[in-house]
Amino acid sequence: MINELNIEHFKLFKHLNISNLKRVNLFAGKNNCGKTALLEALRILSANRDLSVMLYILQKREQTSFNPINIYDPFFNRQLL
């Protein structure tokens, strides 16, 4: 079980820290605030950063025009870099 989650430079998150997670957690918010990005981060983490999971996420988001040299580009927040 994950008790705490730290996400950095992922999608729209520069830094996100969620502590005191329980067995069941509810994430709610307005449209385009990061709920799906949070779930995608958890899915990638649970798949041990498996490349096929990342490709599947890009396909489902219809982001097929990615750079095959650097598949990770669509996942990172580049505002700080």
PDB file of N, CA and C in Angstrom:
ATOM      1  N   MET A   1       0.839  -1.178   0.000  1.00  0.00           N
ATOM      2  CA  MET A   1       0.000   0.000   0.000  1.00  0.00           C
ATOM      3  C   MET A   1       0.884   1.242   0.000  1.00  0.00           C
ATOM      4  N   ILE A   2       0.482   2.245  -0.746  1.00  0.00           N
ATOM      5  CA  ILE A   2       1.207   3.506  -0.808  1.00  0.00           C
ATOM      6  C   ILE A   2       0.662   4.432   0.278  1.00  0.00           C
ATOM      7  N   ASN A   3       1.528   4.907   1.156  1.00  0.00           N
ATOM      8  CA  ASN A   3       1.111   5.814   2.226  1.00  0.00           C
ATOM      9  C   ASN A   3       1.307   7.280   1.855  1.00  0.00           C
ATOM     10  N   GLU A   4       2.274   7.530   0.983  1.00  0.00           N
ATOM     11  CA  GLU A   4       2.588   8.895   0.582  1.00  0.00           C
ATOM     12  C   GLU A   4       3.017   8.875  -0.884  1.00  0.00           C
ATOM     13  N   LEU A   5       2.645   9.920  -1.610  1.00  0.00           N
ATOM     14  CA  LEU A   5       2.975  10.013  -3.026  1.00  0.00           C
ATOM     15  C   LEU A   5       3.608  11.361  -3.311  1.00  0.00           C
ATOM     16  N   ASN A   6       4.773  11.335  -3.948  1.00  0.00           N
ATOM     17  CA  ASN A   6       5.456  12.551  -4.383  1.00  0.00           C
ATOM     18  C   ASN A   6       5.603  12.489  -5.890  1.00  0.00           C
ATOM     19  N   ILE A   7       5.114  13.504  -6.572  1.00  0.00           N
ATOM     20  CA  ILE A   7       5.221  13.591  -8.025  1.00  0.00           C
ATOM     21  C   ILE A   7       5.930  14.890  -8.356  1.00  0.00           C
ATOM     22  N   GLU A   8       6.971  14.789  -9.188  1.00  0.00           N
ATOM     23  CA  GLU A   8       7.699  15.984  -9.591  1.00  0.00           C
ATOM     24  C   GLU A   8       7.860  16.004 -11.101  1.00  0.00           C
ATOM     25  N   HIS A   9       7.593  17.163 -11.690  1.00  0.00           N
ATOM     26  CA  HIS A   9       7.788  17.413 -13.125  1.00  0.00           C
ATOM     27  C   HIS A   9       7.019  16.428 -13.995  1.00  0.00           C
ATOM     28  N   PHE A  10       5.825  16.058 -13.595  1.00  0.00           N
ATOM     29  CA  PHE A  10       5.004  15.138 -14.376  1.00  0.00           C
ATOM     30  C   PHE A  10       3.765  15.871 -14.849  1.00  0.00           C
ATOM     31  N   LYS A  11       3.595  15.897 -16.165  1.00  0.00           N
ATOM     32  CA  LYS A  11       2.461  16.584 -16.796  1.00  0.00           C
ATOM     33  C   LYS A  11       2.338  17.997 -16.239  1.00  0.00           C
ATOM     34  N   LEU A  12       1.219  18.340 -15.607  1.00  0.00           N
ATOM     35  CA  LEU A  12       1.033  19.715 -15.120  1.00  0.00           C
ATOM     36  C   LEU A  12       1.596  19.933 -13.724  1.00  0.00           C
ATOM     37  N   PHE A  13       2.098  18.882 -13.101  1.00  0.00           N
ATOM     38  CA  PHE A  13       2.611  18.994 -11.739  1.00  0.00           C
ATOM     39  C   PHE A  13       4.086  19.394 -11.718  1.00  0.00           C
ATOM     40  N   LYS A  14       4.387  20.518 -11.098  1.00  0.00           N
ATOM     41  CA  LYS A  14       5.783  20.847 -10.817  1.00  0.00           C
ATOM     42  C   LYS A  14       6.218  20.020  -9.616  1.00  0.00           C
ATOM     43  N   HIS A  15       5.383  20.034  -8.600  1.00  0.00           N
ATOM     44  CA  HIS A  15       5.628  19.231  -7.401  1.00  0.00           C
ATOM     45  C   HIS A  15       4.281  18.969  -6.726  1.00  0.00           C
ATOM     46  N   LEU A  16       4.010  17.720  -6.439  1.00  0.00           N
ATOM     47  CA  LEU A  16       2.780  17.331  -5.745  1.00  0.00           C
ATOM     48  C   LEU A  16       3.149  16.331  -4.671  1.00  0.00           C
ATOM     49  N   ASN A  17       2.716  16.593  -3.450  1.00  0.00           N
ATOM     50  CA  ASN A  17       2.942  15.692  -2.334  1.00  0.00           C
ATOM     51  C   ASN A  17       1.599  15.404  -1.692  1.00  0.00           C
ATOM     52  N   ILE A  18       1.245  14.133  -1.656  1.00  0.00           N
ATOM     53  CA  ILE A  18       0.004  13.699  -1.003  1.00  0.00           C
ATOM     54  C   ILE A  18       0.410  12.728   0.095  1.00  0.00           C
ATOM     55  N   SER A  19       0.100  13.071   1.328  1.00  0.00           N
ATOM     56  CA  SER A  19       0.444  12.185   2.454  1.00  0.00           C
ATOM     57  C   SER A  19      -0.829  11.649   3.092  1.00  0.00           C
ATOM     58  N   ASN A  20      -0.652  10.715   3.983  1.00  0.00           N
ATOM     59  CA  ASN A  20      -1.754  10.089   4.713  1.00  0.00           C
ATOM     60  C   ASN A  20      -2.744   9.381   3.797  1.00  0.00           C
ATOM     61  N   LEU A  21      -2.240   8.726   2.750  1.00  0.00           N
ATOM     62  CA  LEU A  21      -3.116   7.959   1.868  1.00  0.00           C
ATOM     63  C   LEU A  21      -3.611   6.722   2.609  1.00  0.00           C
ATOM     64  N   LYS A  22      -4.814   6.336   2.320  1.00  0.00           N
ATOM     65  CA  LYS A  22      -5.435   5.162   2.949  1.00  0.00           C
ATOM     66  C   LYS A  22      -5.659   4.095   1.889  1.00  0.00           C
ATOM     67  N   ARG A  23      -6.341   3.029   2.258  1.00  0.00           N
ATOM     68  CA  ARG A  23      -6.636   1.959   1.295  1.00  0.00           C
ATOM     69  C   ARG A  23      -7.521   2.462   0.176  1.00  0.00           C
ATOM     70  N   VAL A  24      -8.462   3.338   0.484  1.00  0.00           N
ATOM     71  CA  VAL A  24      -9.356   3.932  -0.513  1.00  0.00           C
ATOM     72  C   VAL A  24      -9.244   5.439  -0.380  1.00  0.00           C
ATOM     73  N   ASN A  25      -9.030   6.117  -1.521  1.00  0.00           N
ATOM     74  CA  ASN A  25      -8.886   7.570  -1.538  1.00  0.00           C
ATOM     75  C   ASN A  25      -9.766   8.130  -2.645  1.00  0.00           C
ATOM     76  N   LEU A  26     -10.313   9.296  -2.416  1.00  0.00           N
ATOM     77  CA  LEU A  26     -11.176   9.953  -3.396  1.00  0.00           C
ATOM     78  C   LEU A  26     -10.502  11.239  -3.848  1.00  0.00           C
ATOM     79  N   PHE A  27     -10.314  11.374  -5.144  1.00  0.00           N
ATOM     80  CA  PHE A  27      -9.745  12.584  -5.718  1.00  0.00           C
ATOM     81  C   PHE A  27     -10.822  13.246  -6.562  1.00  0.00           C
ATOM     82  N   ALA A  28     -11.169  14.457  -6.206  1.00  0.00           N
ATOM     83  CA  ALA A  28     -12.223  15.180  -6.909  1.00  0.00           C
ATOM     84  C   ALA A  28     -11.730  16.579  -7.239  1.00  0.00           C
ATOM     85  N   GLY A  29     -12.306  17.157  -8.259  1.00  0.00           N
ATOM     86  CA  GLY A  29     -11.939  18.519  -8.630  1.00  0.00           C
ATOM     87  C   GLY A  29     -12.576  18.913  -9.942  1.00  0.00           C
ATOM     88  N   LYS A  30     -12.360  20.153 -10.311  1.00  0.00           N
ATOM     89  CA  LYS A  30     -12.901  20.675 -11.568  1.00  0.00           C
ATOM     90  C   LYS A  30     -12.187  20.026 -12.747  1.00  0.00           C
ATOM     91  N   ASN A  31     -12.721  20.278 -13.936  1.00  0.00           N
ATOM     92  CA  ASN A  31     -12.090  19.779 -15.156  1.00  0.00           C
ATOM     93  C   ASN A  31     -10.698  20.374 -15.314  1.00  0.00           C
ATOM     94  N   ASN A  32      -9.801  19.557 -15.859  1.00  0.00           N
ATOM     95  CA  ASN A  32      -8.445  19.987 -16.195  1.00  0.00           C
ATOM     96  C   ASN A  32      -7.636  20.457 -14.981  1.00  0.00           C
ATOM     97  N   CYS A  33      -7.821  19.798 -13.846  1.00  0.00           N
ATOM     98  CA  CYS A  33      -7.043  20.171 -12.660  1.00  0.00           C
ATOM     99  C   CYS A  33      -5.998  19.118 -12.313  1.00  0.00           C
ATOM    100  N   GLY A  34      -5.974  17.972 -13.032  1.00  0.00           N
ATOM    101  CA  GLY A  34      -4.923  16.987 -12.828  1.00  0.00           C
ATOM    102  C   GLY A  34      -5.357  15.640 -12.285  1.00  0.00           C
ATOM    103  N   LYS A  35      -6.645  15.383 -12.197  1.00  0.00           N
ATOM    104  CA  LYS A  35      -7.094  14.090 -11.657  1.00  0.00           C
ATOM    105  C   LYS A  35      -6.598  12.930 -12.519  1.00  0.00           C
ATOM    106  N   THR A  36      -6.760  13.042 -13.827  1.00  0.00           N
ATOM    107  CA  THR A  36      -6.319  11.974 -14.721  1.00  0.00           C
ATOM    108  C   THR A  36      -4.803  11.867 -14.733  1.00  0.00           C
ATOM    109  N   ALA A  37      -4.103  12.985 -14.692  1.00  0.00           N
ATOM    110  CA  ALA A  37      -2.637  12.963 -14.647  1.00  0.00           C
ATOM    111  C   ALA A  37      -2.164  12.231 -13.390  1.00  0.00           C
ATOM    112  N   LEU A  38      -2.834  12.444 -12.283  1.00  0.00           N
ATOM    113  CA  LEU A  38      -2.497  11.746 -11.041  1.00  0.00           C
ATOM    114  C   LEU A  38      -2.682  10.236 -11.212  1.00  0.00           C
ATOM    115  N   LEU A  39      -3.792   9.828 -11.810  1.00  0.00           N
ATOM    116  CA  LEU A  39      -4.036   8.403 -12.031  1.00  0.00           C
ATOM    117  C   LEU A  39      -3.023   7.810 -13.010  1.00  0.00           C
ATOM    118  N   GLU A  40      -2.643   8.579 -14.036  1.00  0.00           N
ATOM    119  CA  GLU A  40      -1.634   8.103 -14.976  1.00  0.00           C
ATOM    120  C   GLU A  40      -0.288   7.922 -14.277  1.00  0.00           C
ATOM    121  N   ALA A  41       0.069   8.833 -13.403  1.00  0.00           N
ATOM    122  CA  ALA A  41       1.318   8.709 -12.655  1.00  0.00           C
ATOM    123  C   ALA A  41       1.285   7.448 -11.791  1.00  0.00           C
ATOM    124  N   LEU A  42       0.178   7.197 -11.135  1.00  0.00           N
ATOM    125  CA  LEU A  42       0.050   5.986 -10.311  1.00  0.00           C
ATOM    126  C   LEU A  42       0.125   4.725 -11.171  1.00  0.00           C
ATOM    127  N   ARG A  43      -0.467   4.779 -12.349  1.00  0.00           N
ATOM    128  CA  ARG A  43      -0.444   3.607 -13.228  1.00  0.00           C
ATOM    129  C   ARG A  43       0.985   3.323 -13.702  1.00  0.00           C
ATOM    130  N   ILE A  44       1.707   4.361 -14.068  1.00  0.00           N
ATOM    131  CA  ILE A  44       3.099   4.183 -14.502  1.00  0.00           C
ATOM    132  C   ILE A  44       3.945   3.666 -13.347  1.00  0.00           C
ATOM    133  N   LEU A  45       3.732   4.210 -12.152  1.00  0.00           N
ATOM    134  CA  LEU A  45       4.460   3.743 -10.975  1.00  0.00           C
ATOM    135  C   LEU A  45       4.160   2.272 -10.690  1.00  0.00           C
ATOM    136  N   SER A  46       2.898   1.886 -10.746  1.00  0.00           N
ATOM    137  CA  SER A  46       2.525   0.504 -10.430  1.00  0.00           C
ATOM    138  C   SER A  46       3.030  -0.482 -11.486  1.00  0.00           C
ATOM    139  N   ALA A  47       3.263  -0.003 -12.708  1.00  0.00           N
ATOM    140  CA  ALA A  47       3.774  -0.869 -13.774  1.00  0.00           C
ATOM    141  C   ALA A  47       5.297  -0.848 -13.818  1.00  0.00           C
ATOM    142  N   ASN A  48       5.912  -0.286 -12.794  1.00  0.00           N
ATOM    143  CA  ASN A  48       7.375  -0.211 -12.702  1.00  0.00           C
ATOM    144  C   ASN A  48       7.969   0.499 -13.915  1.00  0.00           C
ATOM    145  N   ARG A  49       7.285   1.578 -14.326  1.00  0.00           N
ATOM    146  CA  ARG A  49       7.713   2.428 -15.452  1.00  0.00           C
ATOM    147  C   ARG A  49       7.855   1.656 -16.761  1.00  0.00           C
ATOM    148  N   ASP A  50       7.011   0.668 -16.955  1.00  0.00           N
ATOM    149  CA  ASP A  50       7.018  -0.142 -18.179  1.00  0.00           C
ATOM    150  C   ASP A  50       6.684   0.736 -19.386  1.00  0.00           C
ATOM    151  N   LEU A  51       7.520   0.686 -20.407  1.00  0.00           N
ATOM    152  CA  LEU A  51       7.358   1.509 -21.589  1.00  0.00           C
ATOM    153  C   LEU A  51       6.031   1.240 -22.296  1.00  0.00           C
ATOM    154  N   SER A  52       5.558  -0.003 -22.290  1.00  0.00           N
ATOM    155  CA  SER A  52       4.301  -0.323 -22.964  1.00  0.00           C
ATOM    156  C   SER A  52       3.117   0.378 -22.299  1.00  0.00           C
ATOM    157  N   VAL A  53       3.174   0.580 -20.999  1.00  0.00           N
ATOM    158  CA  VAL A  53       2.115   1.311 -20.301  1.00  0.00           C
ATOM    159  C   VAL A  53       2.115   2.774 -20.732  1.00  0.00           C
ATOM    160  N   MET A  54       3.293   3.339 -20.865  1.00  0.00           N
ATOM    161  CA  MET A  54       3.393   4.734 -21.304  1.00  0.00           C
ATOM    162  C   MET A  54       2.890   4.885 -22.729  1.00  0.00           C
ATOM    163  N   LEU A  55       3.214   3.941 -23.603  1.00  0.00           N
ATOM    164  CA  LEU A  55       2.710   3.975 -24.970  1.00  0.00           C
ATOM    165  C   LEU A  55       1.191   3.851 -24.994  1.00  0.00           C
ATOM    166  N   TYR A  56       0.647   2.988 -24.147  1.00  0.00           N
ATOM    167  CA  TYR A  56      -0.803   2.812 -24.063  1.00  0.00           C
ATOM    168  C   TYR A  56      -1.486   4.110 -23.631  1.00  0.00           C
ATOM    169  N   ILE A  57      -0.922   4.791 -22.651  1.00  0.00           N
ATOM    170  CA  ILE A  57      -1.493   6.063 -22.187  1.00  0.00           C
ATOM    171  C   ILE A  57      -1.479   7.087 -23.312  1.00  0.00           C
ATOM    172  N   LEU A  58      -0.381   7.178 -24.037  1.00  0.00           N
ATOM    173  CA  LEU A  58      -0.299   8.115 -25.158  1.00  0.00           C
ATOM    174  C   LEU A  58      -1.321   7.772 -26.239  1.00  0.00           C
ATOM    175  N   GLN A  59      -1.489   6.491 -26.502  1.00  0.00           N
ATOM    176  CA  GLN A  59      -2.457   6.061 -27.507  1.00  0.00           C
ATOM    177  C   GLN A  59      -3.879   6.412 -27.085  1.00  0.00           C
ATOM    178  N   LYS A  60      -4.216   6.166 -25.842  1.00  0.00           N
ATOM    179  CA  LYS A  60      -5.564   6.476 -25.354  1.00  0.00           C
ATOM    180  C   LYS A  60      -5.842   7.975 -25.363  1.00  0.00           C
ATOM    181  N   ARG A  61      -4.807   8.779 -25.172  1.00  0.00           N
ATOM    182  CA  ARG A  61      -4.951  10.242 -25.219  1.00  0.00           C
ATOM    183  C   ARG A  61      -4.817  10.773 -26.640  1.00  0.00           C
ATOM    184  N   GLU A  62      -4.667   9.847 -27.588  1.00  0.00           N
ATOM    185  CA  GLU A  62      -4.515  10.191 -29.005  1.00  0.00           C
ATOM    186  C   GLU A  62      -3.339  11.131 -29.227  1.00  0.00           C
ATOM    187  N   GLN A  63      -2.256  10.884 -28.510  1.00  0.00           N
ATOM    188  CA  GLN A  63      -1.012  11.631 -28.671  1.00  0.00           C
ATOM    189  C   GLN A  63      -0.012  10.747 -29.402  1.00  0.00           C
ATOM    190  N   THR A  64      -0.375  10.367 -30.619  1.00  0.00           N
ATOM    191  CA  THR A  64       0.466   9.438 -31.364  1.00  0.00           C
ATOM    192  C   THR A  64       1.590  10.137 -32.110  1.00  0.00           C
ATOM    193  N   SER A  65       1.587  11.462 -32.148  1.00  0.00           N
ATOM    194  CA  SER A  65       2.656  12.166 -32.853  1.00  0.00           C
ATOM    195  C   SER A  65       3.793  12.507 -31.886  1.00  0.00           C
ATOM    196  N   PHE A  66       4.253  11.527 -31.142  1.00  0.00           N
ATOM    197  CA  PHE A  66       5.344  11.729 -30.202  1.00  0.00           C
ATOM    198  C   PHE A  66       6.670  11.417 -30.876  1.00  0.00           C
ATOM    199  N   ASN A  67       7.725  11.847 -30.264  1.00  0.00           N
ATOM    200  CA  ASN A  67       9.071  11.625 -30.766  1.00  0.00           C
ATOM    201  C   ASN A  67       9.535  10.241 -30.302  1.00  0.00           C
ATOM    202  N   PRO A  68       9.750   9.290 -31.219  1.00  0.00           N
ATOM    203  CA  PRO A  68      10.151   7.941 -30.789  1.00  0.00           C
ATOM    204  C   PRO A  68      11.526   7.909 -30.125  1.00  0.00           C
ATOM    205  N   ILE A  69      12.340   8.939 -30.346  1.00  0.00           N
ATOM    206  CA  ILE A  69      13.645   9.002 -29.701  1.00  0.00           C
ATOM    207  C   ILE A  69      13.489   9.284 -28.210  1.00  0.00           C
ATOM    208  N   ASN A  70      12.508  10.122 -27.862  1.00  0.00           N
ATOM    209  CA  ASN A  70      12.280  10.450 -26.459  1.00  0.00           C
ATOM    210  C   ASN A  70      10.795  10.345 -26.142  1.00  0.00           C
ATOM    211  N   ILE A  71      10.358   9.157 -25.849  1.00  0.00           N
ATOM    212  CA  ILE A  71       8.949   8.887 -25.573  1.00  0.00           C
ATOM    213  C   ILE A  71       8.453   9.600 -24.318  1.00  0.00           C
ATOM    214  N   TYR A  72       9.380   9.987 -23.443  1.00  0.00           N
ATOM    215  CA  TYR A  72       8.999  10.557 -22.163  1.00  0.00           C
ATOM    216  C   TYR A  72       8.573  12.019 -22.248  1.00  0.00           C
ATOM    217  N   ASP A  73       8.871  12.705 -23.339  1.00  0.00           N
ATOM    218  CA  ASP A  73       8.561  14.135 -23.453  1.00  0.00           C
ATOM    219  C   ASP A  73       7.123  14.507 -23.098  1.00  0.00           C
ATOM    220  N   PRO A  74       6.096  13.785 -23.594  1.00  0.00           N
ATOM    221  CA  PRO A  74       4.723  14.209 -23.266  1.00  0.00           C
ATOM    222  C   PRO A  74       4.360  14.088 -21.783  1.00  0.00           C
ATOM    223  N   PHE A  75       5.173  13.396 -21.012  1.00  0.00           N
ATOM    224  CA  PHE A  75       4.856  13.158 -19.611  1.00  0.00           C
ATOM    225  C   PHE A  75       5.467  14.172 -18.656  1.00  0.00           C
ATOM    226  N   PHE A  76       6.428  14.971 -19.107  1.00  0.00           N
ATOM    227  CA  PHE A  76       7.152  15.815 -18.189  1.00  0.00           C
ATOM    228  C   PHE A  76       6.738  17.279 -18.257  1.00  0.00           C
ATOM    229  N   ASN A  77       6.747  17.913 -17.123  1.00  0.00           N
ATOM    230  CA  ASN A  77       6.514  19.345 -16.999  1.00  0.00           C
ATOM    231  C   ASN A  77       7.833  20.032 -17.289  1.00  0.00           C
ATOM    232  N   ARG A  78       7.906  20.729 -18.413  1.00  0.00           N
ATOM    233  CA  ARG A  78       9.161  21.359 -18.840  1.00  0.00           C
ATOM    234  C   ARG A  78       9.249  22.826 -18.468  1.00  0.00           C
ATOM    235  N   GLN A  79       8.317  23.342 -17.666  1.00  0.00           N
ATOM    236  CA  GLN A  79       8.323  24.763 -17.316  1.00  0.00           C
ATOM    237  C   GLN A  79       9.549  25.157 -16.521  1.00  0.00           C
ATOM    238  N   LEU A  80      10.081  24.250 -15.722  1.00  0.00           N
ATOM    239  CA  LEU A  80      11.215  24.577 -14.877  1.00  0.00           C
ATOM    240  C   LEU A  80      12.549  24.312 -15.544  1.00  0.00           C
ATOM    241  N   LEU A  81      12.539  23.586 -16.641  1.00  0.00           N
ATOM    242  CA  LEU A  81      13.796  23.196 -17.273  1.00  0.00           C
ATOM    243  C   LEU A  81      14.282  24.243 -18.235  1.00  0.00           C
TER     244      LEU A  81
END
